[in-house]
C-alpha atoms as a PDB file:
ATOM      1  CA  MET A   1      40.296 109.040 114.543  1.00  0.00           C
ATOM      2  CA  SER A   2      40.167 106.252 116.882  1.00  0.00           C
ATOM      3  CA  ARG A   3      42.631 107.593 119.869  1.00  0.00           C
ATOM      4  CA  LYS A   4      43.448 104.180 120.365  1.00  0.00           C
ATOM      5  CA  ASP A   5      44.475 103.193 117.129  1.00  0.00           C
ATOM      6  CA  TRP A   6      46.761 106.343 116.906  1.00  0.00           C
ATOM      7  CA  MET A   7      49.644 107.276 119.262  1.00  0.00           C
ATOM      8  CA  GLU A   8      50.072 111.131 119.580  1.00  0.00           C
ATOM      9  CA  TYR A   9      53.523 113.154 120.332  1.00  0.00           C
ATOM     10  CA  ILE A  10      52.925 116.864 121.532  1.00  0.00           C
ATOM     11  CA  VAL A  11      56.278 118.728 120.581  1.00  0.00           C
ATOM     12  CA  LYS A  12      58.123 120.262 123.301  1.00  0.00           C
ATOM     13  CA  GLU A  13      60.533 122.948 123.506  1.00  0.00           C
ATOM     14  CA  ALA A  14      63.499 120.682 123.812  1.00  0.00           C
ATOM     15  CA  ASP A  15      62.593 119.251 120.298  1.00  0.00           C
ATOM     16  CA  SER A  16      63.248 122.324 118.497  1.00  0.00           C
ATOM     17  CA  GLY A  17      65.094 121.748 115.379  1.00  0.00           C
ATOM     18  CA  MET A  18      63.625 118.106 114.578  1.00  0.00           C
ATOM     19  CA  ASN A  19      61.771 117.416 111.754  1.00  0.00           C
ATOM     20  CA  VAL A  20      58.658 115.051 111.421  1.00  0.00           C
ATOM     21  CA  GLU A  21      60.592 111.986 110.714  1.00  0.00           C
ATOM     22  CA  GLN A  22      62.907 112.510 113.950  1.00  0.00           C
ATOM     23  CA  ILE A  23      59.822 112.885 115.936  1.00  0.00           C
ATOM     24  CA  VAL A  24      58.237 109.802 114.859  1.00  0.00           C
ATOM     25  CA  ARG A  25      61.573 107.428 115.019  1.00  0.00           C
ATOM     26  CA  GLN A  26      63.085 108.933 118.135  1.00  0.00           C
ATOM     27  CA  LYS A  27      59.983 110.134 120.367  1.00  0.00           C
ATOM     28  CA  LEU A  28      57.279 107.606 119.059  1.00  0.00           C
ATOM     29  CA  SER A  29      60.112 104.693 119.131  1.00  0.00           C
ATOM     30  CA  VAL A  30      59.155 103.543 115.326  1.00  0.00           C
ATOM     31  CA  SER A  31      61.351 101.400 113.552  1.00  0.00           C
ATOM     32  CA  GLY A  32      62.813 101.963 110.230  1.00  0.00           C
ATOM     33  CA  ARG A  33      61.117  98.980 108.574  1.00  0.00           C
ATOM     34  CA  MET A  34      57.497 100.565 110.304  1.00  0.00           C
ATOM     35  CA  MET A  35      58.656 103.833 109.324  1.00  0.00           C
ATOM     36  CA  GLN A  36      58.518 102.584 105.464  1.00  0.00           C
ATOM     37  CA  ARG A  37      55.326 100.988 105.950  1.00  0.00           C
ATOM     38  CA  LEU A  38      53.507 104.059 107.552  1.00  0.00           C
ATOM     39  CA  THR A  39      54.762 106.241 104.997  1.00  0.00           C
ATOM     40  CA  ARG A  40      53.397 103.894 102.028  1.00  0.00           C
ATOM     41  CA  SER A  41      49.929 103.737 104.287  1.00  0.00           C
ATOM     42  CA  LYS A  42      49.812 107.706 105.188  1.00  0.00           C
ATOM     43  CA  GLY A  43      49.757 106.463 108.726  1.00  0.00           C
ATOM     44  CA  ILE A  44      51.788 109.300 109.484  1.00  0.00           C
ATOM     45  CA  LEU A  45      50.043 112.988 110.713  1.00  0.00           C
ATOM     46  CA  LEU A  46      51.023 116.280 111.710  1.00  0.00           C
ATOM     47  CA  ASN A  47      48.215 118.209 113.292  1.00  0.00           C
ATOM     48  CA  ARG A  48      45.784 115.627 111.777  1.00  0.00           C
ATOM     49  CA  LYS A  49      47.277 116.272 107.988  1.00  0.00           C
ATOM     50  CA  GLN A  50      49.617 114.268 105.744  1.00  0.00           C
ATOM     51  CA  PRO A  51      52.909 115.774 106.192  1.00  0.00           C
ATOM     52  CA  PHE A  52      56.326 116.340 104.519  1.00  0.00           C
ATOM     53  CA  LEU A  53      58.733 114.156 106.678  1.00  0.00           C
ATOM     54  CA  GLN A  54      61.302 116.615 106.494  1.00  0.00           C
ATOM     55  CA  ARG A  55      59.338 119.409 107.460  1.00  0.00           C
ATOM     56  CA  GLN A  56      60.531 120.666 110.878  1.00  0.00           C
ATOM     57  CA  VAL A  57      58.331 120.962 113.892  1.00  0.00           C
ATOM     58  CA  LYS A  58      56.961 123.563 116.504  1.00  0.00           C
ATOM     59  CA  VAL A  59      55.961 123.956 120.222  1.00  0.00           C
ATOM     60  CA  GLY A  60      52.489 122.321 120.442  1.00  0.00           C
ATOM     61  CA  ASP A  61      52.358 120.389 117.003  1.00  0.00           C
ATOM     62  CA  VAL A  62      51.012 116.880 117.257  1.00  0.00           C
ATOM     63  CA  VAL A  63      52.597 114.526 115.438  1.00  0.00           C
ATOM     64  CA  ALA A  64      50.522 111.159 115.372  1.00  0.00           C
ATOM     65  CA  VAL A  65      51.412 107.467 114.055  1.00  0.00           C
ATOM     66  CA  ARG A  66      48.766 104.676 113.096  1.00  0.00           C
ATOM     67  CA  VAL A  67      49.549 101.979 115.870  1.00  0.00           C
ATOM     68  CA  VAL A  68      47.051  99.253 114.017  1.00  0.00           C
ATOM     69  CA  ASP A  69      47.717  98.522 110.504  1.00  0.00           C
ATOM     70  CA  ARG A  70      45.087  98.773 107.757  1.00  0.00           C
ATOM     71  CA  GLN A  71      45.107  95.331 107.250  1.00  0.00           C
ATOM     72  CA  GLU A  72      44.671  94.516 111.168  1.00  0.00           C
ATOM     73  CA  GLN A  73      41.711  96.702 111.265  1.00  0.00           C
ATOM     74  CA  ALA A  74      40.309  94.748 108.083  1.00  0.00           C
ATOM     75  CA  GLU A  75      40.583  91.578 110.186  1.00  0.00           C
ATOM     76  CA  GLN A  76      37.890  90.323 112.112  1.00  0.00           C
ATOM     77  CA  PRO A  77      38.747  91.036 116.152  1.00  0.00           C
ATOM     78  CA  SER A  78      41.493  89.214 117.728  1.00  0.00           C
ATOM     79  CA  GLN A  79      43.256  87.310 114.223  1.00  0.00           C
ATOM     80  CA  LEU A  80      46.520  86.649 114.505  1.00  0.00           C
ATOM     81  CA  SER A  81      49.344  87.483 111.711  1.00  0.00           C
ATOM     82  CA  ALA A  82      48.974  85.089 108.833  1.00  0.00           C
ATOM     83  CA  PRO A  83      48.668  82.118 108.829  1.00  0.00           C
ATOM     84  CA  PRO A  84      45.441  82.371 110.423  1.00  0.00           C
ATOM     85  CA  LEU A  85      44.516  80.264 113.732  1.00  0.00           C
ATOM     86  CA  PRO A  86      42.345  77.260 112.994  1.00  0.00           C
ATOM     87  CA  PRO A  87      39.337  76.855 114.900  1.00  0.00           C
ATOM     88  CA  ALA A  88      39.957  76.105 118.947  1.00  0.00           C
ATOM     89  CA  SER A  89      38.414  72.673 120.118  1.00  0.00           C
ATOM     90  CA  HIS A  90      38.585  74.029 123.769  1.00  0.00           C
ATOM     91  CA  VAL A  91      40.041  77.152 124.767  1.00  0.00           C
ATOM     92  CA  VAL A  92      42.492  77.167 127.923  1.00  0.00           C
ATOM     93  CA  PRO A  93      41.919  79.850 130.405  1.00  0.00           C
ATOM     94  CA  VAL A  94      45.143  81.838 130.538  1.00  0.00           C
ATOM     95  CA  GLU A  95      46.129  84.457 133.428  1.00  0.00           C
ATOM     96  CA  ILE A  96      47.128  87.673 132.480  1.00  0.00           C
ATOM     97  CA  LEU A  97      49.883  89.226 134.671  1.00  0.00           C
ATOM     98  CA  TYR A  98      50.318  92.795 132.719  1.00  0.00           C
ATOM     99  CA  GLU A  99      48.527  94.787 129.898  1.00  0.00           C
ATOM    100  CA  ASP A 100      48.594  97.914 128.337  1.00  0.00           C
ATOM    101  CA  ASP A 101      47.349  99.289 124.972  1.00  0.00           C
ATOM    102  CA  HIS A 102      50.370  97.428 122.963  1.00  0.00           C
ATOM    103  CA  LEU A 103      52.068  94.767 125.064  1.00  0.00           C
ATOM    104  CA  LEU A 104      50.573  92.115 127.745  1.00  0.00           C
ATOM    105  CA  ILE A 105      52.538  89.269 129.562  1.00  0.00           C
ATOM    106  CA  ALA A 106      50.759  86.067 129.957  1.00  0.00           C
ATOM    107  CA  ASN A 107      51.011  82.976 132.571  1.00  0.00           C
ATOM    108  CA  LYS A 108      51.376  80.411 130.181  1.00  0.00           C
ATOM    109  CA  PRO A 109      50.433  77.389 131.692  1.00  0.00           C
ATOM    110  CA  ALA A 110      52.668  73.740 131.055  1.00  0.00           C
ATOM    111  CA  GLY A 111      51.279  71.893 128.475  1.00  0.00           C
ATOM    112  CA  LEU A 112      49.994  74.722 126.324  1.00  0.00           C
ATOM    113  CA  LEU A 113      51.773  75.246 122.712  1.00  0.00           C
ATOM    114  CA  VAL A 114      52.326  79.238 122.291  1.00  0.00           C
ATOM    115  CA  HIS A 115      51.533  78.725 118.568  1.00  0.00           C
ATOM    116  CA  PRO A 116      50.203  76.236 116.224  1.00  0.00           C
ATOM    117  CA  THR A 117      52.707  74.473 114.090  1.00  0.00           C
ATOM    118  CA  LYS A 118      50.387  71.710 112.608  1.00  0.00           C
ATOM    119  CA  PRO A 119      46.958  72.195 111.768  1.00  0.00           C
ATOM    120  CA  GLU A 120      45.893  69.999 114.494  1.00  0.00           C
ATOM    121  CA  HIS A 121      47.323  72.180 116.740  1.00  0.00           C
ATOM    122  CA  THR A 122      43.902  74.156 118.098  1.00  0.00           C
ATOM    123  CA  GLU A 123      44.414  74.534 121.642  1.00  0.00           C
ATOM    124  CA  THR A 124      47.446  77.144 121.986  1.00  0.00           C
ATOM    125  CA  LEU A 125      48.233  80.288 123.970  1.00  0.00           C
ATOM    126  CA  LEU A 126      47.752  82.385 121.154  1.00  0.00           C
ATOM    127  CA  HIS A 127      44.045  80.582 120.976  1.00  0.00           C
ATOM    128  CA  SER A 128      43.364  81.768 124.179  1.00  0.00           C
ATOM    129  CA  LEU A 129      44.471  85.421 123.968  1.00  0.00           C
ATOM    130  CA  ALA A 130      42.516  85.366 120.567  1.00  0.00           C
ATOM    131  CA  GLU A 131      39.308  84.370 122.210  1.00  0.00           C
ATOM    132  CA  ARG A 132      39.607  86.527 125.345  1.00  0.00           C
ATOM    133  CA  PHE A 133      40.254  89.774 122.737  1.00  0.00           C
ATOM    134  CA  ALA A 134      37.018  88.655 120.953  1.00  0.00           C
ATOM    135  CA  LYS A 135      34.873  88.628 124.151  1.00  0.00           C
ATOM    136  CA  ASN A 136      36.101  91.794 124.937  1.00  0.00           C
ATOM    137  CA  GLY A 137      35.074  93.184 121.610  1.00  0.00           C
ATOM    138  CA  GLU A 138      39.026  94.368 120.883  1.00  0.00           C
ATOM    139  CA  SER A 139      41.107  94.430 117.890  1.00  0.00           C
ATOM    140  CA  ALA A 140      44.396  92.896 118.122  1.00  0.00           C
ATOM    141  CA  SER A 141      46.925  91.275 116.081  1.00  0.00           C
ATOM    142  CA  ILE A 142      48.985  88.942 118.786  1.00  0.00           C
ATOM    143  CA  HIS A 143      52.799  88.290 117.917  1.00  0.00           C
ATOM    144  CA  PRO A 144      54.593  86.504 120.724  1.00  0.00           C
ATOM    145  CA  VAL A 145      57.701  88.441 121.308  1.00  0.00           C
ATOM    146  CA  HIS A 146      59.679  85.476 122.696  1.00  0.00           C
ATOM    147  CA  ARG A 147      59.465  81.574 123.193  1.00  0.00           C
ATOM    148  CA  LEU A 148      58.259  79.001 125.783  1.00  0.00           C
ATOM    149  CA  ASP A 149      58.547  75.516 125.236  1.00  0.00           C
ATOM    150  CA  LYS A 150      55.438  73.548 125.736  1.00  0.00           C
ATOM    151  CA  ASP A 151      56.048  72.363 129.092  1.00  0.00           C
ATOM    152  CA  THR A 152      57.899  75.117 130.444  1.00  0.00           C
ATOM    153  CA  SER A 153      55.282  77.458 132.478  1.00  0.00           C
ATOM    154  CA  GLY A 154      55.379  81.042 133.320  1.00  0.00           C
ATOM    155  CA  ALA A 155      55.872  84.652 132.041  1.00  0.00           C
ATOM    156  CA  ILE A 156      55.691  85.123 128.149  1.00  0.00           C
ATOM    157  CA  LEU A 157      55.894  88.766 126.727  1.00  0.00           C
ATOM    158  CA  VAL A 158      53.152  89.037 123.905  1.00  0.00           C
ATOM    159  CA  ALA A 159      52.416  92.319 121.488  1.00  0.00           C
ATOM    160  CA  LYS A 160      49.336  93.011 120.751  1.00  0.00           C
ATOM    161  CA  SER A 161      49.605  94.873 117.418  1.00  0.00           C
ATOM    162  CA  SER A 162      52.524  95.304 114.679  1.00  0.00           C
ATOM    163  CA  TYR A 163      53.475  98.951 116.687  1.00  0.00           C
ATOM    164  CA  GLY A 164      53.667  97.013 120.390  1.00  0.00           C
ATOM    165  CA  HIS A 165      55.906  94.049 118.285  1.00  0.00           C
ATOM    166  CA  GLN A 166      58.563  96.286 116.954  1.00  0.00           C
ATOM    167  CA  LEU A 167      58.850  98.250 120.075  1.00  0.00           C
ATOM    168  CA  ALA A 168      59.186  94.680 122.118  1.00  0.00           C
ATOM    169  CA  ASP A 169      61.630  93.083 119.699  1.00  0.00           C
ATOM    170  CA  ARG A 170      63.509  96.193 119.595  1.00  0.00           C
ATOM    171  CA  VAL A 171      64.025  95.271 123.171  1.00  0.00           C
ATOM    172  CA  LEU A 172      64.598  91.670 122.524  1.00  0.00           C
ATOM    173  CA  ARG A 173      67.322  92.670 119.881  1.00  0.00           C
ATOM    174  CA  GLU A 174      69.274  95.318 122.211  1.00  0.00           C
ATOM    175  CA  GLY A 175      69.426  92.646 125.492  1.00  0.00           C
ATOM    176  CA  GLY A 176      67.083  94.335 127.268  1.00  0.00           C
ATOM    177  CA  LEU A 177      64.350  91.896 128.187  1.00  0.00           C
ATOM    178  CA  HIS A 178      65.962  90.157 131.388  1.00  0.00           C
ATOM    179  CA  ARG A 179      64.366  86.600 131.891  1.00  0.00           C
ATOM    180  CA  GLU A 180      64.467  84.561 135.079  1.00  0.00           C
ATOM    181  CA  TYR A 181      63.546  81.131 135.219  1.00  0.00           C
ATOM    182  CA  LEU A 182      63.280  78.630 138.420  1.00  0.00           C
ATOM    183  CA  ALA A 183      64.343  75.098 137.907  1.00  0.00           C
ATOM    184  CA  VAL A 184      64.876  71.890 139.567  1.00  0.00           C
ATOM    185  CA  VAL A 185      68.035  70.090 138.379  1.00  0.00           C
ATOM    186  CA  SER A 186      69.002  66.400 138.955  1.00  0.00           C
ATOM    187  CA  GLY A 187      71.987  66.223 141.425  1.00  0.00           C
ATOM    188  CA  GLN A 188      74.103  68.633 143.287  1.00  0.00           C
ATOM    189  CA  LEU A 189      76.072  71.378 141.392  1.00  0.00           C
ATOM    190  CA  PRO A 190      79.330  71.517 142.440  1.00  0.00           C
ATOM    191  CA  GLN A 191      79.384  75.813 142.343  1.00  0.00           C
ATOM    192  CA  LYS A 192      76.605  78.293 144.013  1.00  0.00           C
ATOM    193  CA  THR A 193      76.804  80.165 141.501  1.00  0.00           C
ATOM    194  CA  GLY A 194      77.890  79.657 137.599  1.00  0.00           C
ATOM    195  CA  THR A 195      77.893  80.711 133.767  1.00  0.00           C
ATOM    196  CA  ILE A 196      77.530  78.004 131.465  1.00  0.00           C
ATOM    197  CA  ASP A 197      78.788  79.120 127.719  1.00  0.00           C
ATOM    198  CA  ALA A 198      78.518  76.307 125.253  1.00  0.00           C
ATOM    199  CA  PRO A 199      77.301  76.938 121.824  1.00  0.00           C
ATOM    200  CA  ILE A 200      73.845  74.820 120.915  1.00  0.00           C
ATOM    201  CA  GLY A 201      72.787  73.213 117.518  1.00  0.00           C
ATOM    202  CA  ARG A 202      70.474  70.487 116.273  1.00  0.00           C
ATOM    203  CA  ASP A 203      71.199  67.128 117.312  1.00  0.00           C
ATOM    204  CA  PRO A 204      71.049  65.277 113.590  1.00  0.00           C
ATOM    205  CA  ARG A 205      69.740  61.938 115.020  1.00  0.00           C
ATOM    206  CA  HIS A 206      66.544  63.746 116.472  1.00  0.00           C
ATOM    207  CA  PRO A 207      65.150  66.559 114.523  1.00  0.00           C
ATOM    208  CA  SER A 208      63.134  68.154 117.706  1.00  0.00           C
ATOM    209  CA  LYS A 209      66.457  67.835 120.029  1.00  0.00           C
ATOM    210  CA  ARG A 210      69.183  70.147 120.518  1.00  0.00           C
ATOM    211  CA  ARG A 211      72.781  69.585 121.645  1.00  0.00           C
ATOM    212  CA  VAL A 212      76.146  71.469 122.751  1.00  0.00           C
ATOM    213  CA  THR A 213      77.962  71.435 119.639  1.00  0.00           C
ATOM    214  CA  ASN A 214      81.338  73.183 118.709  1.00  0.00           C
ATOM    215  CA  ASP A 215      79.579  74.410 115.221  1.00  0.00           C
ATOM    216  CA  GLY A 216      76.362  75.788 117.435  1.00  0.00           C
ATOM    217  CA  ASP A 217      75.172  79.236 118.316  1.00  0.00           C
ATOM    218  CA  HIS A 218      76.468  81.037 120.852  1.00  0.00           C
ATOM    219  CA  ALA A 219      74.461  80.471 124.109  1.00  0.00           C
ATOM    220  CA  VAL A 220      75.018  81.670 127.606  1.00  0.00           C
ATOM    221  CA  THR A 221      73.365  81.053 130.665  1.00  0.00           C
ATOM    222  CA  HIS A 222      73.547  81.871 134.247  1.00  0.00           C
ATOM    223  CA  TYR A 223      72.347  80.516 137.394  1.00  0.00           C
ATOM    224  CA  GLU A 224      72.397  80.409 141.367  1.00  0.00           C
ATOM    225  CA  VAL A 225      71.827  77.657 143.657  1.00  0.00           C
ATOM    226  CA  LYS A 226      68.917  78.194 145.825  1.00  0.00           C
ATOM    227  CA  GLN A 227      68.409  75.052 147.918  1.00  0.00           C
ATOM    228  CA  ALA A 228      69.806  71.723 147.554  1.00  0.00           C
ATOM    229  CA  SER A 229      68.989  67.941 148.735  1.00  0.00           C
ATOM    230  CA  GLU A 230      70.635  64.982 148.359  1.00  0.00           C
ATOM    231  CA  GLY A 231      69.320  64.362 144.925  1.00  0.00           C
ATOM    232  CA  MET A 232      68.342  67.508 143.433  1.00  0.00           C
ATOM    233  CA  THR A 233      69.007  71.414 143.277  1.00  0.00           C
ATOM    234  CA  LEU A 234      66.922  74.362 142.881  1.00  0.00           C
ATOM    235  CA  VAL A 235      68.411  77.031 140.895  1.00  0.00           C
ATOM    236  CA  ARG A 236      67.374  80.587 139.835  1.00  0.00           C
ATOM    237  CA  VAL A 237      68.495  80.758 135.884  1.00  0.00           C
ATOM    238  CA  TRP A 238      68.914  83.651 133.862  1.00  0.00           C
ATOM    239  CA  LEU A 239      69.561  84.138 130.070  1.00  0.00           C
ATOM    240  CA  GLU A 240      72.305  85.957 128.345  1.00  0.00           C
ATOM    241  CA  THR A 241      70.905  84.535 124.924  1.00  0.00           C
ATOM    242  CA  GLY A 242      67.921  82.676 123.988  1.00  0.00           C
ATOM    243  CA  ARG A 243      68.317  79.337 122.060  1.00  0.00           C
ATOM    244  CA  THR A 244      65.704  76.840 121.873  1.00  0.00           C
ATOM    245  CA  HIS A 245      65.773  74.351 125.021  1.00  0.00           C
ATOM    246  CA  GLN A 246      68.812  76.338 126.019  1.00  0.00           C
ATOM    247  CA  ILE A 247      68.544  75.864 129.912  1.00  0.00           C
ATOM    248  CA  ARG A 248      67.604  72.554 129.493  1.00  0.00           C
ATOM    249  CA  VAL A 249      70.656  71.462 127.055  1.00  0.00           C
ATOM    250  CA  HIS A 250      73.121  73.534 129.284  1.00  0.00           C
ATOM    251  CA  PHE A 251      72.464  71.963 132.176  1.00  0.00           C
ATOM    252  CA  ALA A 252      71.860  68.326 130.795  1.00  0.00           C
ATOM    253  CA  HIS A 253      75.696  69.294 129.374  1.00  0.00           C
ATOM    254  CA  LEU A 254      76.924  69.620 133.072  1.00  0.00           C
ATOM    255  CA  GLY A 255      75.492  66.041 133.724  1.00  0.00           C
ATOM    256  CA  HIS A 256      72.382  67.719 135.683  1.00  0.00           C
ATOM    257  CA  PRO A 257      69.355  67.481 133.472  1.00  0.00           C
ATOM    258  CA  LEU A 258      66.133  69.083 134.835  1.00  0.00           C
ATOM    259  CA  ALA A 259      63.899  66.626 136.956  1.00  0.00           C
ATOM    260  CA  GLY A 260      61.420  65.354 134.682  1.00  0.00           C
ATOM    261  CA  ASP A 261      62.962  66.116 131.160  1.00  0.00           C
ATOM    262  CA  THR A 262      63.167  62.692 130.015  1.00  0.00           C
ATOM    263  CA  MET A 263      64.329  64.131 126.704  1.00  0.00           C
ATOM    264  CA  TYR A 264      67.478  65.214 127.750  1.00  0.00           C
ATOM    265  CA  GLY A 265      67.913  62.267 130.630  1.00  0.00           C
ATOM    266  CA  GLY A 266      66.134  63.785 133.131  1.00  0.00           C
ATOM    267  CA  ALA A 267      64.191  61.067 135.354  1.00  0.00           C
ATOM    268  CA  ARG A 268      60.238  61.067 135.838  1.00  0.00           C
ATOM    269  CA  GLY A 269      59.436  61.476 139.512  1.00  0.00           C
ATOM    270  CA  LEU A 270      56.746  63.736 141.079  1.00  0.00           C
ATOM    271  CA  LEU A 271      56.756  66.066 138.139  1.00  0.00           C
ATOM    272  CA  ARG A 272      55.901  64.955 134.534  1.00  0.00           C
ATOM    273  CA  ARG A 273      57.299  67.435 132.326  1.00  0.00           C
ATOM    274  CA  GLN A 274      60.659  69.229 132.833  1.00  0.00           C
ATOM    275  CA  ALA A 275      61.084  71.432 135.916  1.00  0.00           C
ATOM    276  CA  LEU A 276      61.283  74.668 134.638  1.00  0.00           C
ATOM    277  CA  HIS A 277      59.109  77.931 135.171  1.00  0.00           C
ATOM    278  CA  ALA A 278      59.463  81.164 133.695  1.00  0.00           C
ATOM    279  CA  ALA A 279      59.413  83.187 136.964  1.00  0.00           C
ATOM    280  CA  SER A 280      59.615  86.729 135.769  1.00  0.00           C
ATOM    281  CA  LEU A 281      60.184  89.500 133.173  1.00  0.00           C
ATOM    282  CA  ARG A 282      62.106  92.552 133.483  1.00  0.00           C
ATOM    283  CA  PHE A 283      62.475  95.436 130.968  1.00  0.00           C
ATOM    284  CA  PHE A 284      62.591  98.739 129.999  1.00  0.00           C
ATOM    285  CA  HIS A 285      59.112  99.847 128.902  1.00  0.00           C
ATOM    286  CA  PRO A 286      59.752 102.150 126.221  1.00  0.00           C
ATOM    287  CA  LEU A 287      56.505 104.296 126.280  1.00  0.00           C
ATOM    288  CA  LEU A 288      56.143 104.127 130.186  1.00  0.00           C
ATOM    289  CA  GLU A 289      59.724 105.329 130.392  1.00  0.00           C
ATOM    290  CA  LYS A 290      60.258 103.173 133.699  1.00  0.00           C
ATOM    291  CA  GLU A 291      61.258  99.717 134.032  1.00  0.00           C
ATOM    292  CA  LEU A 292      58.470  96.960 134.337  1.00  0.00           C
ATOM    293  CA  VAL A 293      59.126  93.964 136.690  1.00  0.00           C
ATOM    294  CA  VAL A 294      56.325  91.157 136.552  1.00  0.00           C
ATOM    295  CA  GLU A 295      56.428  87.679 138.234  1.00  0.00           C
ATOM    296  CA  ALA A 296      54.699  84.748 137.467  1.00  0.00           C
ATOM    297  CA  PRO A 297      53.559  82.426 140.312  1.00  0.00           C
ATOM    298  CA  VAL A 298      54.715  79.156 140.737  1.00  0.00           C
ATOM    299  CA  PRO A 299      52.346  76.879 139.628  1.00  0.00           C
ATOM    300  CA  ALA A 300      51.140  73.528 141.683  1.00  0.00           C
ATOM    301  CA  ASP A 301      53.232  71.011 140.132  1.00  0.00           C
ATOM    302  CA  MET A 302      56.472  72.525 140.733  1.00  0.00           C
ATOM    303  CA  LYS A 303      55.324  73.469 144.263  1.00  0.00           C
ATOM    304  CA  ARG A 304      54.810  70.088 145.132  1.00  0.00           C
ATOM    305  CA  LEU A 305      57.819  69.005 144.032  1.00  0.00           C
ATOM    306  CA  ILE A 306      59.848  71.696 145.947  1.00  0.00           C
ATOM    307  CA  GLN A 307      58.011  71.456 149.250  1.00  0.00           C
ATOM    308  CA  ALA A 308      58.650  67.081 148.747  1.00  0.00           C
ATOM    309  CA  GLU A 309      62.517  67.803 147.816  1.00  0.00           C
ATOM    310  CA  PHE A 310      63.506  70.666 149.735  1.00  0.00           C
ATOM    311  CA  VAL A 311      61.023  71.617 152.700  1.00  0.00           C
END
């Protein structure tokens, strides 16, 4: 039994009275859906044997769950969940800001898609990560936990297995993933701090565009002004929700589109893309049992804009 493919928990005195299922759900943070999958695939062990899930455990017992699915093990190293990646035409190097056995945080460059949406998309973040794992001889099934637009740079959380994905997805669904951004918006904001609470939905005139609309999805963005010039404002932004293009749509709705964001009315200048960078991620790591804070350095193109406008 490969230790890397299994997660183990040694029963403590405080766990007295618990059964195998409760240990798996509560101590190993396994979701109900994954619990069913593990049960069907014999992916739960008690002292290296198949257990009855309602059996009570005792101090010193070792409960283990398979954290790499058998279908993942059967695939070639570093394959994605279906559909498989098309061959990479060119692998873009990507900085890894944090990594453990189950999760990693990558620093996505601007101009790079997170994953392919068409067969001709052969240069994506997932291609880069798959290539990295393959070179290291690692087996990984790569699952992005949240999104970043193609032309947004910065920190993105990625799971390396189905187990890691269900852990991170629970953090996201419960509102525990704190995402902070740095943005440059057009004009001067009237308030130093603010909250934009406006529903976002599709723009019927443009399939890839979003707009504020009464029948849209609930969307809340918070911001704080860091610096202002005559024509632009540098803001720290954090999200309460995670709608497509949320920051871009919300500031455009206020009449202050992001610099460089021509889709939503921003002017092209020093920056050839929207001035938006995912500056940090913060969350409580359920396995390490501590808060993790990871920062992504500001890329060169945004540094040039900030220095030219605010320094």
